[in-house]
Every structure is written in structure tokens, then in C-alpha cells.
Amino acid sequence: MFFDVAHGLSVNDVGARMTTEARRSRLLDTLESVREPVSGSQLSAQLGVSRQAIV
């Protein structure tokens, strides 16, 4: 996973870019759908960003 800070983009496992808004939307969808607590490390791995970006 690659994260381009200057452009707010990350590259997922298949090489497609995800915008900051798309990543934020995916994060919110994940948080709304889970029934158990999810760690920042798990979320960052799933979204391909640093844990600090999640927290």
C-alpha cells in the first residue's frame, strides 16, 4: 500500500487509487456496520493507511 500525502490518495492492493473522501466513506461504513470493537491497527491495515491517519 502506498499513500501520497500531497494528493490525499492511497493505492490499494490492486494498484487503484483511493481518494481521501472514498477512504473516509469506507471507514465510516465499516464503523457503522461492526458489532464488536475494531482497533485502529485493524482499520489502518484494511484501508492501507497509517494508524495515525485513523486515530
PDB file of N, CA and C in Angstrom:
ATOM      1  N   MET A   1       0.844  -1.180   0.000  1.00  0.00           N
ATOM      2  CA  MET A   1       0.000   0.000   0.000  1.00  0.00           C
ATOM      3  C   MET A   1       0.884   1.236   0.000  1.00  0.00           C
ATOM      4  N   PHE A   2       0.524   2.189  -0.794  1.00  0.00           N
ATOM      5  CA  PHE A   2       1.256   3.441  -0.912  1.00  0.00           C
ATOM      6  C   PHE A   2       0.307   4.579  -0.592  1.00  0.00           C
ATOM      7  N   PHE A   3       0.794   5.576   0.135  1.00  0.00           N
ATOM      8  CA  PHE A   3      -0.035   6.725   0.468  1.00  0.00           C
ATOM      9  C   PHE A   3       0.665   7.985   0.001  1.00  0.00           C
ATOM     10  N   ASP A   4      -0.003   8.780  -0.804  1.00  0.00           N
ATOM     11  CA  ASP A   4       0.532  10.024  -1.352  1.00  0.00           C
ATOM     12  C   ASP A   4      -0.060  11.189  -0.564  1.00  0.00           C
ATOM     13  N   VAL A   5       0.693  11.676   0.410  1.00  0.00           N
ATOM     14  CA  VAL A   5       0.204  12.726   1.302  1.00  0.00           C
ATOM     15  C   VAL A   5      -0.148  13.994   0.535  1.00  0.00           C
ATOM     16  N   ALA A   6       0.654  14.354  -0.430  1.00  0.00           N
ATOM     17  CA  ALA A   6       0.439  15.599  -1.172  1.00  0.00           C
ATOM     18  C   ALA A   6      -0.897  15.617  -1.899  1.00  0.00           C
ATOM     19  N   HIS A   7      -1.360  14.452  -2.335  1.00  0.00           N
ATOM     20  CA  HIS A   7      -2.592  14.410  -3.106  1.00  0.00           C
ATOM     21  C   HIS A   7      -3.739  13.733  -2.374  1.00  0.00           C
ATOM     22  N   GLY A   8      -3.499  13.270  -1.147  1.00  0.00           N
ATOM     23  CA  GLY A   8      -4.559  12.631  -0.372  1.00  0.00           C
ATOM     24  C   GLY A   8      -5.041  11.329  -0.976  1.00  0.00           C
ATOM     25  N   LEU A   9      -4.147  10.630  -1.669  1.00  0.00           N
ATOM     26  CA  LEU A   9      -4.522   9.394  -2.336  1.00  0.00           C
ATOM     27  C   LEU A   9      -3.735   8.222  -1.779  1.00  0.00           C
ATOM     28  N   SER A  10      -4.342   7.076  -1.774  1.00  0.00           N
ATOM     29  CA  SER A  10      -3.635   5.850  -1.443  1.00  0.00           C
ATOM     30  C   SER A  10      -3.828   4.878  -2.593  1.00  0.00           C
ATOM     31  N   VAL A  11      -2.930   3.922  -2.699  1.00  0.00           N
ATOM     32  CA  VAL A  11      -3.035   2.909  -3.731  1.00  0.00           C
ATOM     33  C   VAL A  11      -3.339   1.596  -3.033  1.00  0.00           C
ATOM     34  N   ASN A  12      -4.456   0.969  -3.392  1.00  0.00           N
ATOM     35  CA  ASN A  12      -4.814  -0.275  -2.721  1.00  0.00           C
ATOM     36  C   ASN A  12      -4.018  -1.437  -3.303  1.00  0.00           C
ATOM     37  N   ASP A  13      -4.312  -2.640  -2.843  1.00  0.00           N
ATOM     38  CA  ASP A  13      -3.537  -3.817  -3.216  1.00  0.00           C
ATOM     39  C   ASP A  13      -3.507  -4.091  -4.712  1.00  0.00           C
ATOM     40  N   VAL A  14      -4.508  -3.683  -5.444  1.00  0.00           N
ATOM     41  CA  VAL A  14      -4.521  -3.932  -6.881  1.00  0.00           C
ATOM     42  C   VAL A  14      -4.016  -2.728  -7.667  1.00  0.00           C
ATOM     43  N   GLY A  15      -3.543  -1.707  -7.000  1.00  0.00           N
ATOM     44  CA  GLY A  15      -2.944  -0.565  -7.663  1.00  0.00           C
ATOM     45  C   GLY A  15      -3.904   0.564  -7.985  1.00  0.00           C
ATOM     46  N   ALA A  16      -5.181   0.436  -7.647  1.00  0.00           N
ATOM     47  CA  ALA A  16      -6.139   1.503  -7.906  1.00  0.00           C
ATOM     48  C   ALA A  16      -6.031   2.562  -6.814  1.00  0.00           C
ATOM     49  N   ARG A  17      -6.190   3.802  -7.197  1.00  0.00           N
ATOM     50  CA  ARG A  17      -6.090   4.882  -6.218  1.00  0.00           C
ATOM     51  C   ARG A  17      -7.414   5.095  -5.506  1.00  0.00           C
ATOM     52  N   MET A  18      -7.320   5.422  -4.205  1.00  0.00           N
ATOM     53  CA  MET A  18      -8.498   5.713  -3.399  1.00  0.00           C
ATOM     54  C   MET A  18      -8.343   7.142  -2.890  1.00  0.00           C
ATOM     55  N   THR A  19      -9.338   7.975  -3.142  1.00  0.00           N
ATOM     56  CA  THR A  19      -9.265   9.353  -2.673  1.00  0.00           C
ATOM     57  C   THR A  19      -9.512   9.405  -1.172  1.00  0.00           C
ATOM     58  N   THR A  20      -9.179  10.519  -0.588  1.00  0.00           N
ATOM     59  CA  THR A  20      -9.408  10.723   0.839  1.00  0.00           C
ATOM     60  C   THR A  20     -10.888  10.560   1.164  1.00  0.00           C
ATOM     61  N   GLU A  21     -11.747  11.123   0.320  1.00  0.00           N
ATOM     62  CA  GLU A  21     -13.196  11.022   0.564  1.00  0.00           C
ATOM     63  C   GLU A  21     -13.680   9.585   0.472  1.00  0.00           C
ATOM     64  N   ALA A  22     -13.170   8.822  -0.492  1.00  0.00           N
ATOM     65  CA  ALA A  22     -13.562   7.421  -0.631  1.00  0.00           C
ATOM     66  C   ALA A  22     -13.098   6.622   0.579  1.00  0.00           C
ATOM     67  N   ARG A  23     -11.884   6.903   1.026  1.00  0.00           N
ATOM     68  CA  ARG A  23     -11.347   6.200   2.197  1.00  0.00           C
ATOM     69  C   ARG A  23     -12.161   6.553   3.438  1.00  0.00           C
ATOM     70  N   ARG A  24     -12.498   7.817   3.607  1.00  0.00           N
ATOM     71  CA  ARG A  24     -13.303   8.253   4.749  1.00  0.00           C
ATOM     72  C   ARG A  24     -14.671   7.586   4.720  1.00  0.00           C
ATOM     73  N   SER A  25     -15.274   7.516   3.550  1.00  0.00           N
ATOM     74  CA  SER A  25     -16.575   6.878   3.409  1.00  0.00           C
ATOM     75  C   SER A  25     -16.487   5.387   3.753  1.00  0.00           C
ATOM     76  N   ARG A  26     -15.443   4.730   3.282  1.00  0.00           N
ATOM     77  CA  ARG A  26     -15.252   3.303   3.592  1.00  0.00           C
ATOM     78  C   ARG A  26     -15.041   3.093   5.086  1.00  0.00           C
ATOM     79  N   LEU A  27     -14.297   3.983   5.714  1.00  0.00           N
ATOM     80  CA  LEU A  27     -14.065   3.899   7.155  1.00  0.00           C
ATOM     81  C   LEU A  27     -15.378   4.048   7.916  1.00  0.00           C
ATOM     82  N   LEU A  28     -16.169   5.041   7.565  1.00  0.00           N
ATOM     83  CA  LEU A  28     -17.451   5.252   8.240  1.00  0.00           C
ATOM     84  C   LEU A  28     -18.391   4.073   8.031  1.00  0.00           C
ATOM     85  N   ASP A  29     -18.423   3.526   6.811  1.00  0.00           N
ATOM     86  CA  ASP A  29     -19.258   2.349   6.545  1.00  0.00           C
ATOM     87  C   ASP A  29     -18.837   1.184   7.431  1.00  0.00           C
ATOM     88  N   THR A  30     -17.529   0.987   7.561  1.00  0.00           N
ATOM     89  CA  THR A  30     -17.016  -0.100   8.386  1.00  0.00           C
ATOM     90  C   THR A  30     -17.417   0.096   9.837  1.00  0.00           C
ATOM     91  N   LEU A  31     -17.237   1.308  10.350  1.00  0.00           N
ATOM     92  CA  LEU A  31     -17.551   1.582  11.750  1.00  0.00           C
ATOM     93  C   LEU A  31     -19.043   1.430  12.040  1.00  0.00           C
ATOM     94  N   GLU A  32     -19.873   1.798  11.079  1.00  0.00           N
ATOM     95  CA  GLU A  32     -21.317   1.684  11.274  1.00  0.00           C
ATOM     96  C   GLU A  32     -21.801   0.234  11.228  1.00  0.00           C
ATOM     97  N   SER A  33     -21.058  -0.620  10.538  1.00  0.00           N
ATOM     98  CA  SER A  33     -21.529  -1.995  10.340  1.00  0.00           C
ATOM     99  C   SER A  33     -20.991  -3.001  11.359  1.00  0.00           C
ATOM    100  N   VAL A  34     -19.949  -2.662  12.098  1.00  0.00           N
ATOM    101  CA  VAL A  34     -19.368  -3.631  13.028  1.00  0.00           C
ATOM    102  C   VAL A  34     -20.157  -3.688  14.332  1.00  0.00           C
ATOM    103  N   ARG A  35     -20.149  -4.853  14.935  1.00  0.00           N
ATOM    104  CA  ARG A  35     -20.831  -5.052  16.224  1.00  0.00           C
ATOM    105  C   ARG A  35     -19.833  -5.149  17.369  1.00  0.00           C
ATOM    106  N   GLU A  36     -18.586  -5.431  17.045  1.00  0.00           N
ATOM    107  CA  GLU A  36     -17.508  -5.573  18.028  1.00  0.00           C
ATOM    108  C   GLU A  36     -16.522  -4.422  17.850  1.00  0.00           C
ATOM    109  N   PRO A  37     -15.792  -4.068  18.890  1.00  0.00           N
ATOM    110  CA  PRO A  37     -14.764  -3.030  18.750  1.00  0.00           C
ATOM    111  C   PRO A  37     -13.722  -3.434  17.703  1.00  0.00           C
ATOM    112  N   VAL A  38     -13.248  -2.446  16.963  1.00  0.00           N
ATOM    113  CA  VAL A  38     -12.222  -2.658  15.948  1.00  0.00           C
ATOM    114  C   VAL A  38     -11.053  -1.752  16.297  1.00  0.00           C
ATOM    115  N   SER A  39      -9.844  -2.304  16.285  1.00  0.00           N
ATOM    116  CA  SER A  39      -8.677  -1.499  16.648  1.00  0.00           C
ATOM    117  C   SER A  39      -8.263  -0.583  15.492  1.00  0.00           C
ATOM    118  N   GLY A  40      -7.570   0.477  15.835  1.00  0.00           N
ATOM    119  CA  GLY A  40      -7.024   1.381  14.830  1.00  0.00           C
ATOM    120  C   GLY A  40      -6.059   0.671  13.906  1.00  0.00           C
ATOM    121  N   SER A  41      -5.315  -0.295  14.438  1.00  0.00           N
ATOM    122  CA  SER A  41      -4.378  -1.075  13.619  1.00  0.00           C
ATOM    123  C   SER A  41      -5.114  -1.909  12.581  1.00  0.00           C
ATOM    124  N   GLN A  42      -6.230  -2.507  12.984  1.00  0.00           N
ATOM    125  CA  GLN A  42      -7.019  -3.303  12.040  1.00  0.00           C
ATOM    126  C   GLN A  42      -7.590  -2.413  10.939  1.00  0.00           C
ATOM    127  N   LEU A  43      -8.116  -1.271  11.320  1.00  0.00           N
ATOM    128  CA  LEU A  43      -8.682  -0.356  10.332  1.00  0.00           C
ATOM    129  C   LEU A  43      -7.617   0.178   9.390  1.00  0.00           C
ATOM    130  N   SER A  44      -6.455   0.525   9.931  1.00  0.00           N
ATOM    131  CA  SER A  44      -5.395   1.062   9.077  1.00  0.00           C
ATOM    132  C   SER A  44      -4.912   0.011   8.090  1.00  0.00           C
ATOM    133  N   ALA A  45      -4.825  -1.242   8.516  1.00  0.00           N
ATOM    134  CA  ALA A  45      -4.415  -2.311   7.604  1.00  0.00           C
ATOM    135  C   ALA A  45      -5.461  -2.507   6.506  1.00  0.00           C
ATOM    136  N   GLN A  46      -6.721  -2.440   6.876  1.00  0.00           N
ATOM    137  CA  GLN A  46      -7.804  -2.630   5.920  1.00  0.00           C
ATOM    138  C   GLN A  46      -7.834  -1.501   4.885  1.00  0.00           C
ATOM    139  N   LEU A  47      -7.542  -0.283   5.321  1.00  0.00           N
ATOM    140  CA  LEU A  47      -7.619   0.878   4.429  1.00  0.00           C
ATOM    141  C   LEU A  47      -6.279   1.251   3.806  1.00  0.00           C
ATOM    142  N   GLY A  48      -5.212   0.631   4.292  1.00  0.00           N
ATOM    143  CA  GLY A  48      -3.899   0.894   3.703  1.00  0.00           C
ATOM    144  C   GLY A  48      -3.306   2.236   4.063  1.00  0.00           C
ATOM    145  N   VAL A  49      -3.587   2.698   5.274  1.00  0.00           N
ATOM    146  CA  VAL A  49      -3.017   3.956   5.750  1.00  0.00           C
ATOM    147  C   VAL A  49      -2.351   3.702   7.107  1.00  0.00           C
ATOM    148  N   SER A  50      -1.647   4.688   7.592  1.00  0.00           N
ATOM    149  CA  SER A  50      -1.021   4.538   8.902  1.00  0.00           C
ATOM    150  C   SER A  50      -2.091   4.580   9.997  1.00  0.00           C
ATOM    151  N   ARG A  51      -1.769   4.021  11.136  1.00  0.00           N
ATOM    152  CA  ARG A  51      -2.702   4.036  12.265  1.00  0.00           C
ATOM    153  C   ARG A  51      -3.001   5.473  12.686  1.00  0.00           C
ATOM    154  N   GLN A  52      -2.017   6.351  12.559  1.00  0.00           N
ATOM    155  CA  GLN A  52      -2.208   7.751  12.928  1.00  0.00           C
ATOM    156  C   GLN A  52      -3.295   8.408  12.069  1.00  0.00           C
ATOM    157  N   ALA A  53      -3.434   7.971  10.829  1.00  0.00           N
ATOM    158  CA  ALA A  53      -4.481   8.526   9.965  1.00  0.00           C
ATOM    159  C   ALA A  53      -5.864   8.117  10.447  1.00  0.00           C
ATOM    160  N   ILE A  54      -5.949   6.985  11.134  1.00  0.00           N
ATOM    161  CA  ILE A  54      -7.212   6.505  11.656  1.00  0.00           C
ATOM    162  C   ILE A  54      -7.555   7.201  12.966  1.00  0.00           C
ATOM    163  N   VAL A  55      -6.578   7.307  13.837  1.00  0.00           N
ATOM    164  CA  VAL A  55      -6.792   7.878  15.164  1.00  0.00           C
ATOM    165  C   VAL A  55      -6.901   9.365  15.026  1.00  0.00           C
TER     166      VAL A  55
END
